[in-house]
N, C-alpha and C. Protein backbone atom coordinates (compact mmCIF):
# COMPACT_ATOMS: atom_id res chain seq x y z
N MET A 1 -66.70 78.54 169.91
CA MET A 1 -65.49 78.80 169.15
C MET A 1 -64.40 79.39 170.03
N LYS A 2 -64.81 80.15 171.04
CA LYS A 2 -63.82 80.74 171.94
C LYS A 2 -62.98 79.67 172.63
N LEU A 3 -63.62 78.56 172.99
CA LEU A 3 -62.90 77.49 173.66
C LEU A 3 -61.83 76.89 172.76
N ILE A 4 -62.17 76.68 171.50
CA ILE A 4 -61.17 76.15 170.55
C ILE A 4 -60.02 77.14 170.40
N TYR A 5 -60.33 78.41 170.30
CA TYR A 5 -59.29 79.43 170.15
C TYR A 5 -58.39 79.49 171.38
N VAL A 6 -58.98 79.37 172.56
CA VAL A 6 -58.16 79.46 173.77
C VAL A 6 -57.33 78.18 173.95
N ILE A 7 -57.84 77.05 173.50
CA ILE A 7 -57.04 75.82 173.53
C ILE A 7 -55.84 75.97 172.61
N LEU A 8 -56.07 76.48 171.41
CA LEU A 8 -54.95 76.71 170.48
C LEU A 8 -53.96 77.71 171.06
N ALA A 9 -54.47 78.76 171.70
CA ALA A 9 -53.59 79.76 172.31
C ALA A 9 -52.79 79.14 173.45
N GLY A 10 -53.41 78.27 174.24
CA GLY A 10 -52.71 77.59 175.32
C GLY A 10 -51.61 76.68 174.80
N LEU A 11 -51.89 75.97 173.72
CA LEU A 11 -50.87 75.12 173.11
C LEU A 11 -49.71 75.96 172.56
N ALA A 12 -50.05 77.08 171.93
CA ALA A 12 -49.01 77.97 171.40
C ALA A 12 -48.17 78.56 172.53
N GLY A 13 -48.83 78.96 173.61
CA GLY A 13 -48.11 79.51 174.76
C GLY A 13 -47.18 78.50 175.38
N ALA A 14 -47.65 77.27 175.55
CA ALA A 14 -46.80 76.22 176.13
C ALA A 14 -45.64 75.89 175.21
N ALA A 15 -45.88 75.88 173.90
CA ALA A 15 -44.80 75.62 172.94
C ALA A 15 -43.76 76.74 172.98
N ALA A 16 -44.23 77.98 172.98
CA ALA A 16 -43.30 79.11 173.03
C ALA A 16 -42.51 79.12 174.33
N MET A 17 -43.18 78.84 175.43
CA MET A 17 -42.52 78.79 176.73
C MET A 17 -41.47 77.68 176.74
N SER A 18 -41.81 76.51 176.21
CA SER A 18 -40.87 75.40 176.15
C SER A 18 -39.66 75.75 175.29
N ALA A 19 -39.92 76.42 174.18
CA ALA A 19 -38.81 76.80 173.29
C ALA A 19 -37.86 77.77 173.97
N VAL A 20 -38.40 78.76 174.66
CA VAL A 20 -37.56 79.74 175.36
C VAL A 20 -36.76 79.06 176.46
N ILE A 21 -37.42 78.21 177.23
CA ILE A 21 -36.74 77.50 178.32
C ILE A 21 -35.66 76.58 177.75
N TYR A 22 -35.95 75.92 176.65
CA TYR A 22 -34.97 75.02 176.03
C TYR A 22 -33.76 75.80 175.55
N LEU A 23 -33.99 76.93 174.89
CA LEU A 23 -32.87 77.76 174.43
C LEU A 23 -32.06 78.31 175.60
N LEU A 24 -32.74 78.71 176.65
CA LEU A 24 -32.06 79.19 177.85
C LEU A 24 -31.24 78.07 178.48
N SER A 25 -31.79 76.87 178.46
CA SER A 25 -31.08 75.71 179.00
C SER A 25 -29.81 75.43 178.20
N LEU A 26 -29.90 75.53 176.88
CA LEU A 26 -28.72 75.32 176.04
C LEU A 26 -27.68 76.42 176.25
N ALA A 27 -28.14 77.66 176.36
CA ALA A 27 -27.23 78.80 176.49
C ALA A 27 -26.51 78.80 177.84
N THR A 28 -27.19 78.36 178.89
CA THR A 28 -26.60 78.43 180.23
C THR A 28 -26.05 77.08 180.70
N ASN A 29 -26.29 76.03 179.93
CA ASN A 29 -25.86 74.68 180.28
C ASN A 29 -26.43 74.24 181.64
N ARG A 30 -27.66 74.66 181.92
CA ARG A 30 -28.35 74.28 183.15
C ARG A 30 -29.59 73.47 182.80
N VAL A 31 -30.03 72.68 183.74
CA VAL A 31 -31.23 71.87 183.55
C VAL A 31 -32.44 72.75 183.80
N LEU A 32 -33.14 73.08 182.73
CA LEU A 32 -34.31 73.95 182.86
C LEU A 32 -35.54 73.39 182.15
N ARG A 33 -35.37 72.36 181.38
CA ARG A 33 -36.46 71.88 180.53
C ARG A 33 -37.62 71.34 181.36
N ILE A 34 -38.67 72.12 181.40
CA ILE A 34 -39.83 71.83 182.25
C ILE A 34 -40.44 70.46 181.93
N PRO A 35 -40.73 70.13 180.67
CA PRO A 35 -41.33 68.82 180.41
C PRO A 35 -40.46 67.65 180.88
N LEU A 36 -39.15 67.77 180.74
CA LEU A 36 -38.26 66.69 181.15
C LEU A 36 -38.23 66.55 182.68
N VAL A 37 -38.16 67.67 183.38
CA VAL A 37 -38.20 67.64 184.85
C VAL A 37 -39.54 67.08 185.30
N LEU A 38 -40.61 67.55 184.69
CA LEU A 38 -41.95 67.12 185.07
C LEU A 38 -42.14 65.63 184.81
N GLY A 39 -41.74 65.15 183.64
CA GLY A 39 -41.88 63.73 183.31
C GLY A 39 -41.07 62.84 184.23
N THR A 40 -39.85 63.26 184.53
CA THR A 40 -39.00 62.49 185.44
C THR A 40 -39.64 62.38 186.81
N MET A 41 -40.18 63.49 187.30
CA MET A 41 -40.78 63.48 188.63
C MET A 41 -42.11 62.73 188.66
N LEU A 42 -42.94 62.92 187.66
CA LEU A 42 -44.23 62.23 187.63
C LEU A 42 -44.08 60.72 187.56
N LEU A 43 -43.07 60.27 186.81
CA LEU A 43 -42.85 58.83 186.67
C LEU A 43 -41.93 58.26 187.75
N GLY A 44 -41.36 59.14 188.58
CA GLY A 44 -40.46 58.68 189.63
C GLY A 44 -39.19 58.06 189.07
N ARG A 45 -38.66 58.63 188.01
CA ARG A 45 -37.50 58.05 187.34
C ARG A 45 -36.22 58.88 187.50
N THR A 46 -36.11 59.57 188.61
CA THR A 46 -34.87 60.29 188.88
C THR A 46 -33.76 59.26 189.04
N HIS A 47 -32.64 59.46 188.36
CA HIS A 47 -31.52 58.53 188.45
C HIS A 47 -30.90 58.59 189.84
N PRO A 48 -30.22 57.54 190.26
CA PRO A 48 -29.60 57.52 191.60
C PRO A 48 -28.66 58.70 191.86
N ASP A 49 -28.02 59.23 190.82
CA ASP A 49 -27.13 60.38 191.00
C ASP A 49 -27.89 61.71 191.01
N GLY A 50 -29.22 61.67 190.90
CA GLY A 50 -30.04 62.87 190.93
C GLY A 50 -30.30 63.49 189.58
N SER A 51 -29.83 62.86 188.53
CA SER A 51 -30.04 63.42 187.19
C SER A 51 -31.41 63.01 186.65
N LEU A 52 -31.80 63.69 185.59
CA LEU A 52 -33.11 63.46 184.98
C LEU A 52 -33.10 62.24 184.08
N SER A 53 -34.27 61.64 183.96
CA SER A 53 -34.44 60.57 183.00
C SER A 53 -34.48 61.18 181.61
N ASN A 54 -33.84 60.54 180.67
CA ASN A 54 -33.87 61.03 179.29
C ASN A 54 -34.67 60.07 178.42
N GLY A 55 -35.45 59.20 179.08
CA GLY A 55 -36.24 58.21 178.36
C GLY A 55 -37.43 58.81 177.64
N MET A 56 -37.91 58.08 176.67
CA MET A 56 -39.05 58.53 175.87
C MET A 56 -40.30 58.69 176.73
N ALA A 57 -40.51 57.79 177.69
CA ALA A 57 -41.70 57.89 178.54
C ALA A 57 -41.70 59.18 179.35
N ALA A 58 -40.55 59.54 179.91
CA ALA A 58 -40.46 60.78 180.70
C ALA A 58 -40.72 62.00 179.81
N LYS A 59 -40.17 61.98 178.61
CA LYS A 59 -40.40 63.10 177.68
C LYS A 59 -41.87 63.19 177.29
N LEU A 60 -42.48 62.05 177.00
CA LEU A 60 -43.88 62.03 176.57
C LEU A 60 -44.82 62.45 177.69
N VAL A 61 -44.66 61.85 178.86
CA VAL A 61 -45.54 62.18 179.99
C VAL A 61 -45.34 63.64 180.41
N GLY A 62 -44.09 64.08 180.48
CA GLY A 62 -43.81 65.46 180.85
C GLY A 62 -44.36 66.45 179.84
N GLY A 63 -44.21 66.14 178.56
CA GLY A 63 -44.74 67.01 177.51
C GLY A 63 -46.25 67.09 177.55
N LEU A 64 -46.90 65.94 177.68
CA LEU A 64 -48.37 65.93 177.74
C LEU A 64 -48.87 66.69 178.97
N ALA A 65 -48.22 66.48 180.10
CA ALA A 65 -48.64 67.20 181.31
C ALA A 65 -48.42 68.70 181.15
N HIS A 66 -47.28 69.08 180.58
CA HIS A 66 -46.97 70.51 180.42
C HIS A 66 -47.97 71.19 179.49
N TYR A 67 -48.28 70.57 178.36
CA TYR A 67 -49.22 71.17 177.42
C TYR A 67 -50.64 71.17 177.97
N THR A 68 -51.00 70.13 178.74
CA THR A 68 -52.32 70.10 179.36
C THR A 68 -52.48 71.25 180.36
N VAL A 69 -51.46 71.46 181.18
CA VAL A 69 -51.51 72.56 182.14
C VAL A 69 -51.55 73.90 181.40
N GLY A 70 -50.81 74.01 180.29
CA GLY A 70 -50.84 75.24 179.49
C GLY A 70 -52.24 75.54 178.98
N VAL A 71 -52.94 74.52 178.51
CA VAL A 71 -54.31 74.71 178.04
C VAL A 71 -55.23 75.09 179.20
N LEU A 72 -55.05 74.46 180.36
CA LEU A 72 -55.88 74.79 181.52
C LEU A 72 -55.64 76.22 181.98
N TYR A 73 -54.38 76.64 181.99
CA TYR A 73 -54.09 78.04 182.32
C TYR A 73 -54.78 78.99 181.33
N ALA A 74 -54.70 78.65 180.04
CA ALA A 74 -55.31 79.51 179.02
C ALA A 74 -56.83 79.58 179.20
N ILE A 75 -57.44 78.46 179.57
CA ILE A 75 -58.88 78.48 179.85
C ILE A 75 -59.16 79.39 181.05
N GLY A 76 -58.25 79.38 182.01
CA GLY A 76 -58.38 80.30 183.15
C GLY A 76 -58.30 81.75 182.71
N TYR A 77 -57.43 82.04 181.74
CA TYR A 77 -57.35 83.40 181.19
C TYR A 77 -58.70 83.80 180.60
N LEU A 78 -59.28 82.88 179.80
CA LEU A 78 -60.57 83.18 179.17
C LEU A 78 -61.63 83.41 180.24
N ALA A 79 -61.62 82.62 181.28
CA ALA A 79 -62.60 82.79 182.37
C ALA A 79 -62.43 84.17 183.01
N LEU A 80 -61.19 84.61 183.20
CA LEU A 80 -60.95 85.94 183.76
C LEU A 80 -61.47 87.02 182.82
N TRP A 81 -61.13 86.91 181.55
CA TRP A 81 -61.56 87.92 180.58
C TRP A 81 -63.09 87.97 180.48
N GLU A 82 -63.72 86.80 180.45
CA GLU A 82 -65.18 86.74 180.33
C GLU A 82 -65.88 87.30 181.57
N SER A 83 -65.21 87.22 182.72
CA SER A 83 -65.81 87.74 183.95
C SER A 83 -65.46 89.21 184.19
N GLY A 84 -64.76 89.82 183.24
CA GLY A 84 -64.46 91.24 183.34
C GLY A 84 -63.13 91.57 184.01
N VAL A 85 -62.33 90.57 184.31
CA VAL A 85 -61.01 90.81 184.90
C VAL A 85 -59.99 90.94 183.77
N GLY A 86 -59.49 92.13 183.60
CA GLY A 86 -58.49 92.37 182.56
C GLY A 86 -59.08 92.41 181.17
N THR A 87 -58.20 92.68 180.23
CA THR A 87 -58.60 92.72 178.82
C THR A 87 -57.59 91.91 178.02
N ILE A 88 -57.92 91.67 176.78
CA ILE A 88 -57.07 90.86 175.93
C ILE A 88 -55.99 91.77 175.32
N THR A 89 -55.04 92.16 176.16
CA THR A 89 -53.93 93.01 175.74
C THR A 89 -52.62 92.40 176.21
N ALA A 90 -51.53 92.85 175.63
CA ALA A 90 -50.21 92.33 175.99
C ALA A 90 -49.91 92.56 177.47
N SER A 91 -50.20 93.73 177.96
CA SER A 91 -49.88 94.03 179.36
C SER A 91 -50.70 93.16 180.32
N TRP A 92 -51.98 92.98 180.04
CA TRP A 92 -52.78 92.11 180.89
C TRP A 92 -52.34 90.67 180.77
N GLY A 93 -51.99 90.24 179.58
CA GLY A 93 -51.50 88.87 179.39
C GLY A 93 -50.25 88.62 180.20
N MET A 94 -49.33 89.57 180.19
CA MET A 94 -48.10 89.40 180.96
C MET A 94 -48.37 89.48 182.46
N LEU A 95 -49.30 90.32 182.86
CA LEU A 95 -49.65 90.43 184.29
C LEU A 95 -50.30 89.14 184.79
N ILE A 96 -51.23 88.61 184.02
CA ILE A 96 -51.85 87.33 184.40
C ILE A 96 -50.79 86.23 184.36
N GLY A 97 -49.89 86.30 183.38
CA GLY A 97 -48.79 85.34 183.31
C GLY A 97 -47.91 85.39 184.54
N LEU A 98 -47.66 86.59 185.05
CA LEU A 98 -46.89 86.73 186.27
C LEU A 98 -47.63 86.07 187.44
N GLY A 99 -48.92 86.30 187.51
CA GLY A 99 -49.73 85.68 188.57
C GLY A 99 -49.71 84.17 188.49
N ASN A 100 -49.93 83.63 187.28
CA ASN A 100 -49.92 82.17 187.22
C ASN A 100 -48.50 81.62 187.30
N GLY A 101 -47.49 82.43 187.01
CA GLY A 101 -46.10 82.01 187.23
C GLY A 101 -45.78 81.88 188.71
N ILE A 102 -46.27 82.82 189.51
CA ILE A 102 -46.08 82.74 190.96
C ILE A 102 -46.81 81.52 191.51
N PHE A 103 -48.02 81.29 191.01
CA PHE A 103 -48.77 80.10 191.41
C PHE A 103 -48.00 78.83 191.03
N ALA A 104 -47.48 78.79 189.81
CA ALA A 104 -46.71 77.62 189.36
C ALA A 104 -45.46 77.43 190.21
N MET A 105 -44.80 78.51 190.59
CA MET A 105 -43.61 78.43 191.42
C MET A 105 -43.95 77.76 192.76
N ILE A 106 -45.07 78.14 193.35
CA ILE A 106 -45.49 77.56 194.63
C ILE A 106 -45.77 76.07 194.46
N ILE A 107 -46.49 75.73 193.39
CA ILE A 107 -46.79 74.32 193.13
C ILE A 107 -45.51 73.52 192.93
N TRP A 108 -44.59 74.02 192.12
CA TRP A 108 -43.31 73.33 191.88
C TRP A 108 -42.52 73.18 193.19
N TYR A 109 -42.50 74.22 194.00
CA TYR A 109 -41.76 74.16 195.26
C TYR A 109 -42.28 73.01 196.12
N PHE A 110 -43.60 72.95 196.29
CA PHE A 110 -44.16 71.88 197.11
C PHE A 110 -44.01 70.51 196.46
N PHE A 111 -44.04 70.46 195.13
CA PHE A 111 -43.82 69.20 194.41
C PHE A 111 -42.42 68.68 194.72
N PHE A 112 -41.44 69.57 194.70
CA PHE A 112 -40.07 69.17 195.04
C PHE A 112 -39.96 68.76 196.50
N MET A 113 -40.68 69.43 197.39
CA MET A 113 -40.58 69.13 198.82
C MET A 113 -41.22 67.78 199.18
N ILE A 114 -42.32 67.42 198.51
CA ILE A 114 -42.99 66.17 198.87
C ILE A 114 -42.53 64.98 198.04
N HIS A 115 -41.83 65.23 196.94
CA HIS A 115 -41.40 64.13 196.07
C HIS A 115 -40.35 63.28 196.78
N PRO A 116 -40.48 61.94 196.70
CA PRO A 116 -39.52 61.09 197.41
C PRO A 116 -38.08 61.17 196.86
N ARG A 117 -37.92 61.41 195.56
CA ARG A 117 -36.58 61.52 194.97
C ARG A 117 -36.57 62.61 193.89
N PRO A 118 -36.62 63.86 194.30
CA PRO A 118 -36.58 64.93 193.28
C PRO A 118 -35.21 64.99 192.63
N PRO A 119 -35.15 65.44 191.40
CA PRO A 119 -33.84 65.57 190.75
C PRO A 119 -33.01 66.66 191.42
N HIS A 120 -31.71 66.52 191.28
CA HIS A 120 -30.80 67.51 191.86
C HIS A 120 -30.62 68.65 190.88
N ILE A 121 -31.37 69.70 191.08
CA ILE A 121 -31.21 70.92 190.28
C ILE A 121 -31.20 72.10 191.24
N LYS A 122 -30.72 73.24 190.77
CA LYS A 122 -30.71 74.44 191.59
C LYS A 122 -32.14 74.99 191.61
N LEU A 123 -32.85 74.63 192.66
CA LEU A 123 -34.28 74.89 192.73
C LEU A 123 -34.61 76.38 192.71
N GLU A 124 -33.83 77.21 193.41
CA GLU A 124 -34.14 78.65 193.46
C GLU A 124 -34.11 79.26 192.07
N ARG A 125 -33.07 78.96 191.30
CA ARG A 125 -32.99 79.48 189.92
C ARG A 125 -34.12 78.94 189.07
N TYR A 126 -34.37 77.66 189.21
CA TYR A 126 -35.42 77.02 188.43
C TYR A 126 -36.77 77.69 188.68
N LEU A 127 -37.07 77.96 189.94
CA LEU A 127 -38.36 78.57 190.28
C LEU A 127 -38.46 79.99 189.75
N ILE A 128 -37.38 80.73 189.80
CA ILE A 128 -37.39 82.10 189.25
C ILE A 128 -37.61 82.06 187.74
N GLU A 129 -36.96 81.11 187.08
CA GLU A 129 -37.14 80.99 185.63
C GLU A 129 -38.55 80.53 185.28
N ILE A 130 -39.15 79.74 186.16
CA ILE A 130 -40.55 79.33 185.97
C ILE A 130 -41.46 80.57 185.96
N VAL A 131 -41.24 81.47 186.91
CA VAL A 131 -42.08 82.67 186.99
C VAL A 131 -41.93 83.50 185.72
N PHE A 132 -40.71 83.79 185.31
CA PHE A 132 -40.51 84.65 184.15
C PHE A 132 -40.93 83.99 182.84
N SER A 133 -40.81 82.68 182.76
CA SER A 133 -41.27 82.01 181.54
C SER A 133 -42.80 82.06 181.44
N HIS A 134 -43.49 82.12 182.57
CA HIS A 134 -44.94 82.24 182.53
C HIS A 134 -45.39 83.64 182.10
N VAL A 135 -44.57 84.63 182.34
CA VAL A 135 -44.88 85.97 181.82
C VAL A 135 -44.87 85.92 180.30
N PHE A 136 -43.88 85.24 179.74
CA PHE A 136 -43.81 85.06 178.28
C PHE A 136 -44.99 84.22 177.79
N PHE A 137 -45.32 83.17 178.54
CA PHE A 137 -46.47 82.33 178.21
C PHE A 137 -47.74 83.18 178.13
N GLY A 138 -47.94 84.04 179.14
CA GLY A 138 -49.13 84.89 179.17
C GLY A 138 -49.21 85.82 177.97
N PHE A 139 -48.06 86.35 177.58
CA PHE A 139 -48.02 87.22 176.40
C PHE A 139 -48.43 86.44 175.15
N VAL A 140 -47.86 85.26 174.95
CA VAL A 140 -48.14 84.47 173.75
C VAL A 140 -49.60 84.01 173.73
N VAL A 141 -50.11 83.56 174.86
CA VAL A 141 -51.52 83.14 174.91
C VAL A 141 -52.43 84.30 174.51
N THR A 142 -52.18 85.46 175.08
CA THR A 142 -53.01 86.63 174.78
C THR A 142 -52.88 87.04 173.32
N TYR A 143 -51.66 87.04 172.81
CA TYR A 143 -51.41 87.43 171.42
C TYR A 143 -52.14 86.49 170.45
N VAL A 144 -51.96 85.19 170.66
CA VAL A 144 -52.59 84.21 169.75
C VAL A 144 -54.11 84.28 169.86
N TYR A 145 -54.63 84.33 171.07
CA TYR A 145 -56.09 84.38 171.24
C TYR A 145 -56.66 85.64 170.60
N TYR A 146 -55.99 86.76 170.80
CA TYR A 146 -56.46 88.01 170.20
C TYR A 146 -56.53 87.89 168.68
N HIS A 147 -55.48 87.36 168.09
CA HIS A 147 -55.45 87.28 166.62
C HIS A 147 -56.40 86.23 166.07
N LEU A 148 -56.71 85.22 166.85
CA LEU A 148 -57.71 84.25 166.39
C LEU A 148 -59.12 84.81 166.48
N THR A 149 -59.37 85.67 167.45
CA THR A 149 -60.72 86.21 167.64
C THR A 149 -60.94 87.53 166.91
N HIS A 150 -59.88 88.18 166.48
CA HIS A 150 -59.99 89.45 165.76
C HIS A 150 -59.38 89.31 164.37
N VAL A 151 -60.03 88.47 163.58
CA VAL A 151 -59.51 88.19 162.25
C VAL A 151 -59.73 89.40 161.36
N GLU A 152 -58.65 89.90 160.82
CA GLU A 152 -58.74 91.08 159.95
C GLU A 152 -58.18 90.80 158.56
N TYR A 153 -57.93 89.54 158.28
CA TYR A 153 -57.34 89.19 157.01
C TYR A 153 -58.40 88.57 156.10
N PRO A 154 -58.43 88.95 154.84
CA PRO A 154 -59.46 88.42 153.94
C PRO A 154 -59.35 86.91 153.74
N PHE A 155 -58.20 86.32 153.97
CA PHE A 155 -58.02 84.90 153.80
C PHE A 155 -59.00 84.11 154.67
N TRP A 156 -59.26 84.58 155.87
CA TRP A 156 -60.11 83.86 156.81
C TRP A 156 -61.60 84.16 156.62
N GLN A 157 -61.94 85.04 155.74
CA GLN A 157 -63.34 85.41 155.58
C GLN A 157 -64.00 84.68 154.43
């Protein structure tokens, strides 16, 4: 049952992270949408002017990849908790989120460096926002997992 709960928590974390990044993208008028950047790069559909693909395939592939990675990160959280590293608290969730955000930043950096036609975005800002959005992701994953495993409401009993 823990695996199902952590999968749900990973999906919730990825959704919350995507929502925050999307709102930040709208507020700042910058390209920040992780699934769209990811889908464009995975499919190699960067436009000749360096802009992102807005096609359905890029959105679908990017979204599926983003949510899959979110679930894998959440499974990693469970593995850490089960091995005695950290506890299921907000502070530990954000700390682990910071760690996996730094890891994600490194992966994204190298993805941009080796990609034959990466999109033209301000990479430094994008990478910083990746790190901080993972802190939020870590908080949401921990919050959702905690509430799924510590049911205190009579409705679920």
